[in-house]
Amino acid sequence: MKKLIFKGAATALITPMTEDGKINYQVLQDLLEFQIQKKADAVVIAGTTGEVSTLSDEEHITLVEKAVRQVNGRIPVIAGAGSNNTAHAAWLSGECEKAGADALLHVTPYYNKASQQGLYLHFKACAQATSLPIILYNVPSRTGVNIFPATYKRLSEIDNIVACKEASGNFSQIAKTASLCKEDLTIYSGNDDQITSALALGAKGVISVLSNILPEETHNICYSYFNGDQEKSDNLQLKYLELIEGLFMDVNPIPVKQAMRAMGYPVGGCRLPLCDMDPANAEKLYAILKSYGLINSGVKAGSITVHNAKNTGNILRYNI
């Protein structure tokens, strides 16, 4: 069996921004401390939720370096290193390794729509560019390409390709992948609304958007299952289903960043071409957050001024 990178819930961390659109590294440090204190099992830096597509290479590597330094070995730091340019993805892999990442996340090449053989050759080249363990990321809804089970099987025979983040939502396909690859490929859920279903097929956890705001609760969904209390795990999954749906009312990471601002976290907005939610959907999101007790009344669409925000505790050093 290949070594596990993590077991449980890894947070696909947002990238906090200042008002003028620069990365806010001070808030990054605070968010990482919050994640560690609230039982996140790993963090993913510079992934889709981290707006990697709008980061420069310099920002990308600096973000990984600063995250590694702040975490200081307490939990694994997984760096996004994917690209639809194989040479660039291979280069990023080496640079993220130099920056101190514990593992890499490689998304399928988007827009190109590579064949299964092209996917195999792409990921093989990325694996050869680093000694770090690699998690493959299959998200057809965003990339337009799907990793088939037989391709997973071929890729699992490469020593440092050790896991996949499965966000296809196709459980027949996930089951076939688990059957073919067995212990040579760890499966992680890539969908927060399907964690327990993936665990039932042998997944070892989730790479989660929800855990940006509820890391301990997301951890508990996984570990209740691992500890033999499947009913509790299922109940937690269902308890947070409406919140999960709210966090995907618009393109990720727009809603989660808007939710975090409403909760009092100074994470800023998204870089274009992503923008804030329209006021009607924002009001729906705030209503969901209120129903879970995550914000108080008074939060209105179009404003990031929050009074009496809940759930921030003393983790962040900011008074919002």
C-alpha atoms as a PDB file:
ATOM      1  CA  MET A   1       0.000   0.000   0.000  1.00  0.00           C
ATOM      2  CA  LYS A   2       1.268   3.450  -0.894  1.00  0.00           C
ATOM      3  CA  LYS A   3       1.685   5.879   1.981  1.00  0.00           C
ATOM      4  CA  LEU A   4      -1.361   8.020   2.818  1.00  0.00           C
ATOM      5  CA  ILE A   5      -0.887  11.754   2.390  1.00  0.00           C
ATOM      6  CA  PHE A   6      -3.709  12.426   4.834  1.00  0.00           C
ATOM      7  CA  LYS A   7      -6.841  10.811   6.207  1.00  0.00           C
ATOM      8  CA  GLY A   8      -9.928  12.915   6.894  1.00  0.00           C
ATOM      9  CA  ALA A   9     -10.687  16.415   5.649  1.00  0.00           C
ATOM     10  CA  ALA A  10      -8.230  18.568   3.733  1.00  0.00           C
ATOM     11  CA  THR A  11      -9.282  22.167   3.270  1.00  0.00           C
ATOM     12  CA  ALA A  12      -9.111  23.529  -0.267  1.00  0.00           C
ATOM     13  CA  LEU A  13      -8.077  26.895   1.122  1.00  0.00           C
ATOM     14  CA  ILE A  14      -9.196  30.192  -0.359  1.00  0.00           C
ATOM     15  CA  THR A  15      -6.525  32.767  -1.175  1.00  0.00           C
ATOM     16  CA  PRO A  16      -7.249  35.929   0.827  1.00  0.00           C
ATOM     17  CA  MET A  17      -6.925  39.208  -1.031  1.00  0.00           C
ATOM     18  CA  THR A  18      -6.531  42.840  -0.038  1.00  0.00           C
ATOM     19  CA  GLU A  19      -8.928  45.515  -1.279  1.00  0.00           C
ATOM     20  CA  ASP A  20      -6.634  46.242  -4.214  1.00  0.00           C
ATOM     21  CA  GLY A  21      -6.498  42.581  -5.229  1.00  0.00           C
ATOM     22  CA  LYS A  22      -3.102  41.577  -3.845  1.00  0.00           C
ATOM     23  CA  ILE A  23      -2.585  38.425  -1.794  1.00  0.00           C
ATOM     24  CA  ASN A  24      -3.056  39.130   1.906  1.00  0.00           C
ATOM     25  CA  TYR A  25      -0.334  36.997   3.452  1.00  0.00           C
ATOM     26  CA  GLN A  26      -1.111  38.110   7.010  1.00  0.00           C
ATOM     27  CA  VAL A  27      -4.665  36.804   6.737  1.00  0.00           C
ATOM     28  CA  LEU A  28      -3.306  33.650   5.102  1.00  0.00           C
ATOM     29  CA  GLN A  29      -1.285  32.967   8.243  1.00  0.00           C
ATOM     30  CA  ASP A  30      -4.345  33.469  10.428  1.00  0.00           C
ATOM     31  CA  LEU A  31      -6.508  31.214   8.282  1.00  0.00           C
ATOM     32  CA  LEU A  32      -3.908  28.471   8.471  1.00  0.00           C
ATOM     33  CA  GLU A  33      -3.806  28.757  12.261  1.00  0.00           C
ATOM     34  CA  PHE A  34      -7.597  28.577  12.346  1.00  0.00           C
ATOM     35  CA  GLN A  35      -7.533  25.436  10.205  1.00  0.00           C
ATOM     36  CA  ILE A  36      -4.956  23.721  12.393  1.00  0.00           C
ATOM     37  CA  GLN A  37      -6.728  24.638  15.640  1.00  0.00           C
ATOM     38  CA  LYS A  38     -10.033  23.383  14.250  1.00  0.00           C
ATOM     39  CA  LYS A  39      -8.734  19.934  13.258  1.00  0.00           C
ATOM     40  CA  ALA A  40      -8.177  20.235   9.517  1.00  0.00           C
ATOM     41  CA  ASP A  41      -6.221  17.155   8.481  1.00  0.00           C
ATOM     42  CA  ALA A  42      -4.388  18.889   5.613  1.00  0.00           C
ATOM     43  CA  VAL A  43      -4.583  22.044   3.505  1.00  0.00           C
ATOM     44  CA  VAL A  44      -4.500  22.514  -0.250  1.00  0.00           C
ATOM     45  CA  ILE A  45      -2.802  25.730  -1.321  1.00  0.00           C
ATOM     46  CA  ALA A  46      -3.186  27.294  -4.787  1.00  0.00           C
ATOM     47  CA  GLY A  47      -5.929  24.981  -5.944  1.00  0.00           C
ATOM     48  CA  THR A  48      -9.163  25.853  -7.731  1.00  0.00           C
ATOM     49  CA  THR A  49     -10.646  27.315  -4.538  1.00  0.00           C
ATOM     50  CA  GLY A  50      -7.419  29.286  -4.129  1.00  0.00           C
ATOM     51  CA  GLU A  51      -7.970  30.999  -7.505  1.00  0.00           C
ATOM     52  CA  VAL A  52      -4.811  29.474  -8.931  1.00  0.00           C
ATOM     53  CA  SER A  53      -5.809  30.398 -12.484  1.00  0.00           C
ATOM     54  CA  THR A  54      -5.347  34.094 -11.690  1.00  0.00           C
ATOM     55  CA  LEU A  55      -2.071  33.780  -9.772  1.00  0.00           C
ATOM     56  CA  SER A  56       1.246  34.614 -11.359  1.00  0.00           C
ATOM     57  CA  ASP A  57       3.954  31.964 -11.071  1.00  0.00           C
ATOM     58  CA  GLU A  58       5.751  34.145  -8.545  1.00  0.00           C
ATOM     59  CA  GLU A  59       2.601  34.534  -6.427  1.00  0.00           C
ATOM     60  CA  HIS A  60       1.904  30.812  -6.711  1.00  0.00           C
ATOM     61  CA  ILE A  61       5.301  29.750  -5.391  1.00  0.00           C
ATOM     62  CA  THR A  62       5.400  32.461  -2.722  1.00  0.00           C
ATOM     63  CA  LEU A  63       1.957  31.365  -1.494  1.00  0.00           C
ATOM     64  CA  VAL A  64       3.180  27.791  -1.108  1.00  0.00           C
ATOM     65  CA  GLU A  65       6.403  28.910   0.609  1.00  0.00           C
ATOM     66  CA  LYS A  66       4.560  31.049   3.141  1.00  0.00           C
ATOM     67  CA  ALA A  67       1.987  28.349   3.846  1.00  0.00           C
ATOM     68  CA  VAL A  68       4.714  25.749   4.411  1.00  0.00           C
ATOM     69  CA  ARG A  69       6.555  28.101   6.759  1.00  0.00           C
ATOM     70  CA  GLN A  70       3.413  28.880   8.778  1.00  0.00           C
ATOM     71  CA  VAL A  71       2.189  25.287   9.041  1.00  0.00           C
ATOM     72  CA  ASN A  72       5.681  24.115   9.993  1.00  0.00           C
ATOM     73  CA  GLY A  73       4.990  20.421   9.580  1.00  0.00           C
ATOM     74  CA  ARG A  74       1.866  20.275  11.755  1.00  0.00           C
ATOM     75  CA  ILE A  75      -0.362  19.038   8.925  1.00  0.00           C
ATOM     76  CA  PRO A  76       0.430  18.236   5.281  1.00  0.00           C
ATOM     77  CA  VAL A  77       0.553  21.134   2.832  1.00  0.00           C
ATOM     78  CA  ILE A  78      -0.622  20.030  -0.617  1.00  0.00           C
ATOM     79  CA  ALA A  79       0.253  22.430  -3.418  1.00  0.00           C
ATOM     80  CA  GLY A  80      -1.761  22.811  -6.575  1.00  0.00           C
ATOM     81  CA  ALA A  81       0.605  22.339  -9.515  1.00  0.00           C
ATOM     82  CA  GLY A  82      -1.737  21.605 -12.388  1.00  0.00           C
ATOM     83  CA  SER A  83      -1.760  23.187 -15.826  1.00  0.00           C
ATOM     84  CA  ASN A  84      -3.044  22.404 -19.305  1.00  0.00           C
ATOM     85  CA  ASN A  85       0.548  22.932 -20.483  1.00  0.00           C
ATOM     86  CA  THR A  86       2.475  19.788 -19.519  1.00  0.00           C
ATOM     87  CA  ALA A  87       5.836  21.551 -19.487  1.00  0.00           C
ATOM     88  CA  HIS A  88       4.456  24.234 -17.180  1.00  0.00           C
ATOM     89  CA  ALA A  89       2.853  21.663 -14.872  1.00  0.00           C
ATOM     90  CA  ALA A  90       6.141  19.760 -14.663  1.00  0.00           C
ATOM     91  CA  TRP A  91       8.009  22.972 -13.878  1.00  0.00           C
ATOM     92  CA  LEU A  92       5.471  23.954 -11.220  1.00  0.00           C
ATOM     93  CA  SER A  93       5.867  20.515  -9.659  1.00  0.00           C
ATOM     94  CA  GLY A  94       9.579  21.042  -9.193  1.00  0.00           C
ATOM     95  CA  GLU A  95       9.128  24.577  -7.874  1.00  0.00           C
ATOM     96  CA  CYS A  96       6.454  23.534  -5.355  1.00  0.00           C
ATOM     97  CA  GLU A  97       8.757  20.767  -4.157  1.00  0.00           C
ATOM     98  CA  LYS A  98      11.552  23.322  -3.653  1.00  0.00           C
ATOM     99  CA  ALA A  99       9.044  25.491  -1.753  1.00  0.00           C
ATOM    100  CA  GLY A 100       8.579  22.665   0.758  1.00  0.00           C
ATOM    101  CA  ALA A 101       5.182  21.220  -0.168  1.00  0.00           C
ATOM    102  CA  ASP A 102       4.391  17.765   1.186  1.00  0.00           C
ATOM    103  CA  ALA A 103       2.401  16.676  -1.866  1.00  0.00           C
ATOM    104  CA  LEU A 104       1.005  17.994  -5.145  1.00  0.00           C
ATOM    105  CA  LEU A 105      -2.487  18.231  -6.618  1.00  0.00           C
ATOM    106  CA  HIS A 106      -2.644  17.881 -10.409  1.00  0.00           C
ATOM    107  CA  VAL A 107      -5.881  18.722 -12.201  1.00  0.00           C
ATOM    108  CA  THR A 108      -6.692  17.261 -15.598  1.00  0.00           C
ATOM    109  CA  PRO A 109      -5.561  19.529 -18.457  1.00  0.00           C
ATOM    110  CA  TYR A 110      -8.509  21.857 -19.054  1.00  0.00           C
ATOM    111  CA  TYR A 111      -9.683  23.197 -22.440  1.00  0.00           C
ATOM    112  CA  ASN A 112      -7.275  20.986 -24.431  1.00  0.00           C
ATOM    113  CA  LYS A 113      -9.558  17.963 -23.778  1.00  0.00           C
ATOM    114  CA  ALA A 114      -6.767  15.409 -23.970  1.00  0.00           C
ATOM    115  CA  SER A 115      -7.386  11.761 -24.858  1.00  0.00           C
ATOM    116  CA  GLN A 116      -6.917   9.059 -22.213  1.00  0.00           C
ATOM    117  CA  GLN A 117      -3.444   8.397 -23.614  1.00  0.00           C
ATOM    118  CA  GLY A 118      -2.727  12.130 -23.496  1.00  0.00           C
ATOM    119  CA  LEU A 119      -3.819  12.239 -19.860  1.00  0.00           C
ATOM    120  CA  TYR A 120      -1.565   9.308 -19.040  1.00  0.00           C
ATOM    121  CA  LEU A 121       1.451  10.905 -20.719  1.00  0.00           C
ATOM    122  CA  HIS A 122       0.737  14.295 -19.140  1.00  0.00           C
ATOM    123  CA  PHE A 123       0.531  12.951 -15.594  1.00  0.00           C
ATOM    124  CA  LYS A 124       3.494  10.648 -16.141  1.00  0.00           C
ATOM    125  CA  ALA A 125       5.617  13.642 -17.181  1.00  0.00           C
ATOM    126  CA  CYS A 126       4.470  15.578 -14.098  1.00  0.00           C
ATOM    127  CA  ALA A 127       5.309  12.632 -11.831  1.00  0.00           C
ATOM    128  CA  GLN A 128       8.780  12.341 -13.352  1.00  0.00           C
ATOM    129  CA  ALA A 129       9.446  16.013 -12.569  1.00  0.00           C
ATOM    130  CA  THR A 130       9.185  15.545  -8.783  1.00  0.00           C
ATOM    131  CA  SER A 131       9.761  13.085  -5.984  1.00  0.00           C
ATOM    132  CA  LEU A 132       6.634  14.288  -4.154  1.00  0.00           C
ATOM    133  CA  PRO A 133       3.457  12.203  -3.954  1.00  0.00           C
ATOM    134  CA  ILE A 134       0.778  13.322  -6.396  1.00  0.00           C
ATOM    135  CA  ILE A 135      -3.006  13.504  -6.096  1.00  0.00           C
ATOM    136  CA  LEU A 136      -4.796  13.494  -9.445  1.00  0.00           C
ATOM    137  CA  TYR A 137      -7.835  15.776  -9.644  1.00  0.00           C
ATOM    138  CA  ASN A 138     -10.748  14.699 -11.807  1.00  0.00           C
ATOM    139  CA  VAL A 139     -13.392  17.420 -12.200  1.00  0.00           C
ATOM    140  CA  PRO A 140     -15.036  17.047 -15.616  1.00  0.00           C
ATOM    141  CA  SER A 141     -17.568  19.833 -14.999  1.00  0.00           C
ATOM    142  CA  ARG A 142     -14.744  22.384 -14.940  1.00  0.00           C
ATOM    143  CA  THR A 143     -12.194  20.876 -17.301  1.00  0.00           C
ATOM    144  CA  GLY A 144     -14.237  19.104 -19.966  1.00  0.00           C
ATOM    145  CA  VAL A 145     -12.247  15.882 -19.616  1.00  0.00           C
ATOM    146  CA  ASN A 146     -12.723  12.764 -17.496  1.00  0.00           C
ATOM    147  CA  ILE A 147     -10.190  10.236 -16.202  1.00  0.00           C
ATOM    148  CA  PHE A 148     -11.518   6.741 -16.955  1.00  0.00           C
ATOM    149  CA  PRO A 149     -10.992   3.891 -14.452  1.00  0.00           C
ATOM    150  CA  ALA A 150      -8.630   2.047 -16.822  1.00  0.00           C
ATOM    151  CA  THR A 151      -6.494   5.189 -17.062  1.00  0.00           C
ATOM    152  CA  TYR A 152      -6.456   5.513 -13.289  1.00  0.00           C
ATOM    153  CA  LYS A 153      -5.217   1.923 -13.183  1.00  0.00           C
ATOM    154  CA  ARG A 154      -2.301   2.708 -15.503  1.00  0.00           C
ATOM    155  CA  LEU A 155      -1.458   5.876 -13.572  1.00  0.00           C
ATOM    156  CA  SER A 156      -1.599   4.073 -10.219  1.00  0.00           C
ATOM    157  CA  GLU A 157       1.321   1.945 -11.379  1.00  0.00           C
ATOM    158  CA  ILE A 158       3.550   5.047 -11.279  1.00  0.00           C
ATOM    159  CA  ASP A 159       5.216   5.086  -7.865  1.00  0.00           C
ATOM    160  CA  ASN A 160       4.521   8.671  -6.804  1.00  0.00           C
ATOM    161  CA  ILE A 161       0.975   8.908  -8.167  1.00  0.00           C
ATOM    162  CA  VAL A 162      -0.732   7.857  -4.971  1.00  0.00           C
ATOM    163  CA  ALA A 163      -4.249   9.309  -4.852  1.00  0.00           C
ATOM    164  CA  CYS A 164      -7.089  11.000  -6.677  1.00  0.00           C
ATOM    165  CA  LYS A 165      -9.581  13.706  -5.837  1.00  0.00           C
ATOM    166  CA  GLU A 166     -12.773  12.494  -7.498  1.00  0.00           C
ATOM    167  CA  ALA A 167     -15.297  15.213  -8.316  1.00  0.00           C
ATOM    168  CA  SER A 168     -16.988  13.503 -11.245  1.00  0.00           C
ATOM    169  CA  GLY A 169     -19.982  12.580  -9.101  1.00  0.00           C
ATOM    170  CA  ASN A 170     -20.129   9.277 -10.997  1.00  0.00           C
ATOM    171  CA  PHE A 171     -20.194   6.611  -8.306  1.00  0.00           C
ATOM    172  CA  SER A 172     -20.236   3.722 -10.756  1.00  0.00           C
ATOM    173  CA  GLN A 173     -16.980   5.074 -12.142  1.00  0.00           C
ATOM    174  CA  ILE A 174     -15.529   5.644  -8.667  1.00  0.00           C
ATOM    175  CA  ALA A 175     -16.430   2.096  -7.644  1.00  0.00           C
ATOM    176  CA  LYS A 176     -14.768   0.713 -10.770  1.00  0.00           C
ATOM    177  CA  THR A 177     -11.643   2.779 -10.059  1.00  0.00           C
ATOM    178  CA  ALA A 178     -11.524   1.481  -6.485  1.00  0.00           C
ATOM    179  CA  SER A 179     -11.939  -2.083  -7.728  1.00  0.00           C
ATOM    180  CA  LEU A 180      -9.178  -1.795 -10.331  1.00  0.00           C
ATOM    181  CA  CYS A 181      -6.617   0.185  -8.326  1.00  0.00           C
ATOM    182  CA  LYS A 182      -7.213  -1.176  -4.846  1.00  0.00           C
ATOM    183  CA  GLU A 183      -4.457  -0.030  -2.466  1.00  0.00           C
ATOM    184  CA  ASP A 184      -2.358   1.549  -5.200  1.00  0.00           C
ATOM    185  CA  LEU A 185      -4.613   4.634  -5.386  1.00  0.00           C
ATOM    186  CA  THR A 186      -6.227   6.388  -2.433  1.00  0.00           C
ATOM    187  CA  ILE A 187      -9.556   8.014  -3.299  1.00  0.00           C
ATOM    188  CA  TYR A 188     -10.668  11.337  -1.814  1.00  0.00           C
ATOM    189  CA  SER A 189     -14.080  12.860  -2.407  1.00  0.00           C
ATOM    190  CA  GLY A 190     -13.978  16.138  -4.299  1.00  0.00           C
ATOM    191  CA  ASN A 191     -17.623  16.955  -3.527  1.00  0.00           C
ATOM    192  CA  ASP A 192     -18.749  18.080  -0.087  1.00  0.00           C
ATOM    193  CA  ASP A 193     -22.280  16.760  -0.620  1.00  0.00           C
ATOM    194  CA  GLN A 194     -20.987  13.242  -1.310  1.00  0.00           C
ATOM    195  CA  ILE A 195     -18.458  12.641   1.467  1.00  0.00           C
ATOM    196  CA  THR A 196     -20.186   9.734   3.199  1.00  0.00           C
ATOM    197  CA  SER A 197     -21.064   8.097  -0.120  1.00  0.00           C
ATOM    198  CA  ALA A 198     -17.401   8.181  -1.142  1.00  0.00           C
ATOM    199  CA  LEU A 199     -16.316   6.855   2.259  1.00  0.00           C
ATOM    200  CA  ALA A 200     -18.664   3.897   1.780  1.00  0.00           C
ATOM    201  CA  LEU A 201     -16.666   2.996  -1.342  1.00  0.00           C
ATOM    202  CA  GLY A 202     -13.400   3.138   0.558  1.00  0.00           C
ATOM    203  CA  ALA A 203     -12.419   6.790   0.205  1.00  0.00           C
ATOM    204  CA  LYS A 204     -10.068   8.070   2.893  1.00  0.00           C
ATOM    205  CA  GLY A 205     -11.542  11.543   3.179  1.00  0.00           C
ATOM    206  CA  VAL A 206     -12.426  14.696   1.301  1.00  0.00           C
ATOM    207  CA  ILE A 207     -10.722  17.732  -0.177  1.00  0.00           C
ATOM    208  CA  SER A 208     -13.295  20.258   0.940  1.00  0.00           C
ATOM    209  CA  VAL A 209     -14.613  23.760   0.334  1.00  0.00           C
ATOM    210  CA  LEU A 210     -16.980  23.530   3.313  1.00  0.00           C
ATOM    211  CA  SER A 211     -14.037  23.146   5.672  1.00  0.00           C
ATOM    212  CA  ASN A 212     -12.935  26.702   4.947  1.00  0.00           C
ATOM    213  CA  ILE A 213     -15.661  27.734   7.367  1.00  0.00           C
ATOM    214  CA  LEU A 214     -16.356  24.485   9.273  1.00  0.00           C
ATOM    215  CA  PRO A 215     -13.112  22.500   9.373  1.00  0.00           C
ATOM    216  CA  GLU A 216     -13.852  20.635  12.590  1.00  0.00           C
ATOM    217  CA  GLU A 217     -17.326  19.635  11.448  1.00  0.00           C
ATOM    218  CA  THR A 218     -15.985  18.388   8.104  1.00  0.00           C
ATOM    219  CA  HIS A 219     -13.264  16.459   9.935  1.00  0.00           C
ATOM    220  CA  ASN A 220     -15.984  14.944  12.132  1.00  0.00           C
ATOM    221  CA  ILE A 221     -18.020  13.724   9.134  1.00  0.00           C
ATOM    222  CA  CYS A 222     -14.994  11.669   8.134  1.00  0.00           C
ATOM    223  CA  TYR A 223     -13.808  10.497  11.517  1.00  0.00           C
ATOM    224  CA  SER A 224     -17.258   9.502  12.748  1.00  0.00           C
ATOM    225  CA  TYR A 225     -17.296   7.103   9.821  1.00  0.00           C
ATOM    226  CA  PHE A 226     -13.729   5.904  10.438  1.00  0.00           C
ATOM    227  CA  ASN A 227     -14.541   5.340  14.113  1.00  0.00           C
ATOM    228  CA  GLY A 228     -17.463   3.077  13.249  1.00  0.00           C
ATOM    229  CA  ASP A 229     -20.349   5.494  13.771  1.00  0.00           C
ATOM    230  CA  GLN A 230     -21.731   5.586  10.250  1.00  0.00           C
ATOM    231  CA  GLU A 231     -25.090   6.921  11.427  1.00  0.00           C
ATOM    232  CA  LYS A 232     -23.454   9.980  13.007  1.00  0.00           C
ATOM    233  CA  SER A 233     -21.420  10.550   9.866  1.00  0.00           C
ATOM    234  CA  ASP A 234     -24.539  10.359   7.707  1.00  0.00           C
ATOM    235  CA  ASN A 235     -26.431  12.695  10.024  1.00  0.00           C
ATOM    236  CA  LEU A 236     -23.657  15.281   9.909  1.00  0.00           C
ATOM    237  CA  GLN A 237     -23.539  15.034   6.117  1.00  0.00           C
ATOM    238  CA  LEU A 238     -27.269  15.687   5.955  1.00  0.00           C
ATOM    239  CA  LYS A 239     -27.137  18.417   8.607  1.00  0.00           C
ATOM    240  CA  TYR A 240     -24.781  20.529   6.506  1.00  0.00           C
ATOM    241  CA  LEU A 241     -26.288  19.724   3.107  1.00  0.00           C
ATOM    242  CA  GLU A 242     -28.126  23.028   2.731  1.00  0.00           C
ATOM    243  CA  LEU A 243     -25.003  24.956   3.688  1.00  0.00           C
ATOM    244  CA  ILE A 244     -22.953  22.969   1.181  1.00  0.00           C
ATOM    245  CA  GLU A 245     -25.521  23.737  -1.506  1.00  0.00           C
ATOM    246  CA  GLY A 246     -25.297  27.408  -0.603  1.00  0.00           C
ATOM    247  CA  LEU A 247     -21.542  27.384  -1.016  1.00  0.00           C
ATOM    248  CA  PHE A 248     -22.030  26.186  -4.596  1.00  0.00           C
ATOM    249  CA  MET A 249     -24.833  28.548  -5.621  1.00  0.00           C
ATOM    250  CA  ASP A 250     -22.309  30.288  -7.846  1.00  0.00           C
ATOM    251  CA  VAL A 251     -18.911  29.355  -9.259  1.00  0.00           C
ATOM    252  CA  ASN A 252     -16.469  28.254  -6.581  1.00  0.00           C
ATOM    253  CA  PRO A 253     -14.869  30.107  -4.738  1.00  0.00           C
ATOM    254  CA  ILE A 254     -17.256  33.065  -5.098  1.00  0.00           C
ATOM    255  CA  PRO A 255     -19.829  31.923  -2.481  1.00  0.00           C
ATOM    256  CA  VAL A 256     -17.349  30.654   0.104  1.00  0.00           C
ATOM    257  CA  LYS A 257     -15.389  33.913   0.011  1.00  0.00           C
ATOM    258  CA  GLN A 258     -18.601  35.917   0.268  1.00  0.00           C
ATOM    259  CA  ALA A 259     -19.712  33.738   3.180  1.00  0.00           C
ATOM    260  CA  MET A 260     -16.396  34.166   4.968  1.00  0.00           C
ATOM    261  CA  ARG A 261     -16.565  37.937   4.613  1.00  0.00           C
ATOM    262  CA  ALA A 262     -20.073  37.883   6.053  1.00  0.00           C
ATOM    263  CA  MET A 263     -18.758  35.811   8.964  1.00  0.00           C
ATOM    264  CA  GLY A 264     -16.097  38.401   9.707  1.00  0.00           C
ATOM    265  CA  TYR A 265     -13.044  37.001   7.960  1.00  0.00           C
ATOM    266  CA  PRO A 266     -11.202  39.712   5.980  1.00  0.00           C
ATOM    267  CA  VAL A 267     -10.545  37.544   2.938  1.00  0.00           C
ATOM    268  CA  GLY A 268     -11.449  40.058   0.234  1.00  0.00           C
ATOM    269  CA  GLY A 269     -13.153  39.324  -3.041  1.00  0.00           C
ATOM    270  CA  CYS A 270     -12.193  37.217  -6.027  1.00  0.00           C
ATOM    271  CA  ARG A 271     -10.011  38.305  -8.893  1.00  0.00           C
ATOM    272  CA  LEU A 272     -11.659  38.846 -12.247  1.00  0.00           C
ATOM    273  CA  PRO A 273     -13.133  37.178 -14.173  1.00  0.00           C
ATOM    274  CA  LEU A 274     -14.825  35.971 -10.962  1.00  0.00           C
ATOM    275  CA  CYS A 275     -16.955  38.580  -9.208  1.00  0.00           C
ATOM    276  CA  ASP A 276     -19.356  38.820  -6.277  1.00  0.00           C
ATOM    277  CA  MET A 277     -22.716  37.089  -6.336  1.00  0.00           C
ATOM    278  CA  ASP A 278     -25.725  39.029  -7.544  1.00  0.00           C
ATOM    279  CA  PRO A 279     -27.699  40.567  -4.635  1.00  0.00           C
ATOM    280  CA  ALA A 280     -30.604  38.093  -4.836  1.00  0.00           C
ATOM    281  CA  ASN A 281     -28.350  35.043  -4.528  1.00  0.00           C
ATOM    282  CA  ALA A 282     -26.229  36.763  -1.889  1.00  0.00           C
ATOM    283  CA  GLU A 283     -29.353  37.261   0.228  1.00  0.00           C
ATOM    284  CA  LYS A 284     -30.154  33.547  -0.145  1.00  0.00           C
ATOM    285  CA  LEU A 285     -26.640  32.658   0.960  1.00  0.00           C
ATOM    286  CA  TYR A 286     -26.837  34.975   3.980  1.00  0.00           C
ATOM    287  CA  ALA A 287     -30.182  33.455   4.949  1.00  0.00           C
ATOM    288  CA  ILE A 288     -28.578  30.007   4.934  1.00  0.00           C
ATOM    289  CA  LEU A 289     -25.650  31.245   7.024  1.00  0.00           C
ATOM    290  CA  LYS A 290     -28.095  32.767   9.515  1.00  0.00           C
ATOM    291  CA  SER A 291     -30.040  29.500   9.738  1.00  0.00           C
ATOM    292  CA  TYR A 292     -26.829  27.736  10.800  1.00  0.00           C
ATOM    293  CA  GLY A 293     -26.015  30.451  13.332  1.00  0.00           C
ATOM    294  CA  LEU A 294     -22.898  31.517  11.445  1.00  0.00           C
ATOM    295  CA  ILE A 295     -23.908  35.166  11.108  1.00  0.00           C
ATOM    296  CA  ASN A 296     -26.376  37.445  12.858  1.00  0.00           C
ATOM    297  CA  SER A 297     -29.022  39.588  11.254  1.00  0.00           C
ATOM    298  CA  GLY A 298     -27.930  42.830   9.653  1.00  0.00           C
ATOM    299  CA  VAL A 299     -25.775  41.404   6.879  1.00  0.00           C
ATOM    300  CA  LYS A 300     -27.031  42.716   3.549  1.00  0.00           C
ATOM    301  CA  ALA A 301     -26.073  41.950  -0.032  1.00  0.00           C
ATOM    302  CA  GLY A 302     -23.631  44.445  -1.469  1.00  0.00           C
ATOM    303  CA  SER A 303     -21.975  45.140   1.892  1.00  0.00           C
ATOM    304  CA  ILE A 304     -19.060  43.441   3.577  1.00  0.00           C
ATOM    305  CA  THR A 305     -19.526  45.429   6.777  1.00  0.00           C
ATOM    306  CA  VAL A 306     -20.494  42.902   9.418  1.00  0.00           C
ATOM    307  CA  HIS A 307     -21.596  43.590  12.952  1.00  0.00           C
ATOM    308  CA  ASN A 308     -21.610  40.978  15.693  1.00  0.00           C
ATOM    309  CA  ALA A 309     -20.215  38.280  13.435  1.00  0.00           C
ATOM    310  CA  LYS A 310     -20.263  34.853  15.009  1.00  0.00           C
ATOM    311  CA  ASN A 311     -17.889  31.900  15.030  1.00  0.00           C
ATOM    312  CA  THR A 312     -14.607  33.763  14.551  1.00  0.00           C
ATOM    313  CA  GLY A 313     -13.551  33.361  18.183  1.00  0.00           C
ATOM    314  CA  ASN A 314     -10.075  34.680  18.884  1.00  0.00           C
ATOM    315  CA  ILE A 315      -8.427  32.921  15.966  1.00  0.00           C
ATOM    316  CA  LEU A 316      -8.097  35.947  13.705  1.00  0.00           C
ATOM    317  CA  ARG A 317      -6.391  39.095  14.905  1.00  0.00           C
ATOM    318  CA  TYR A 318      -8.844  41.441  13.236  1.00  0.00           C
ATOM    319  CA  ASN A 319     -11.817  43.295  14.580  1.00  0.00           C
ATOM    320  CA  ILE A 320     -14.433  43.360  11.871  1.00  0.00           C
END
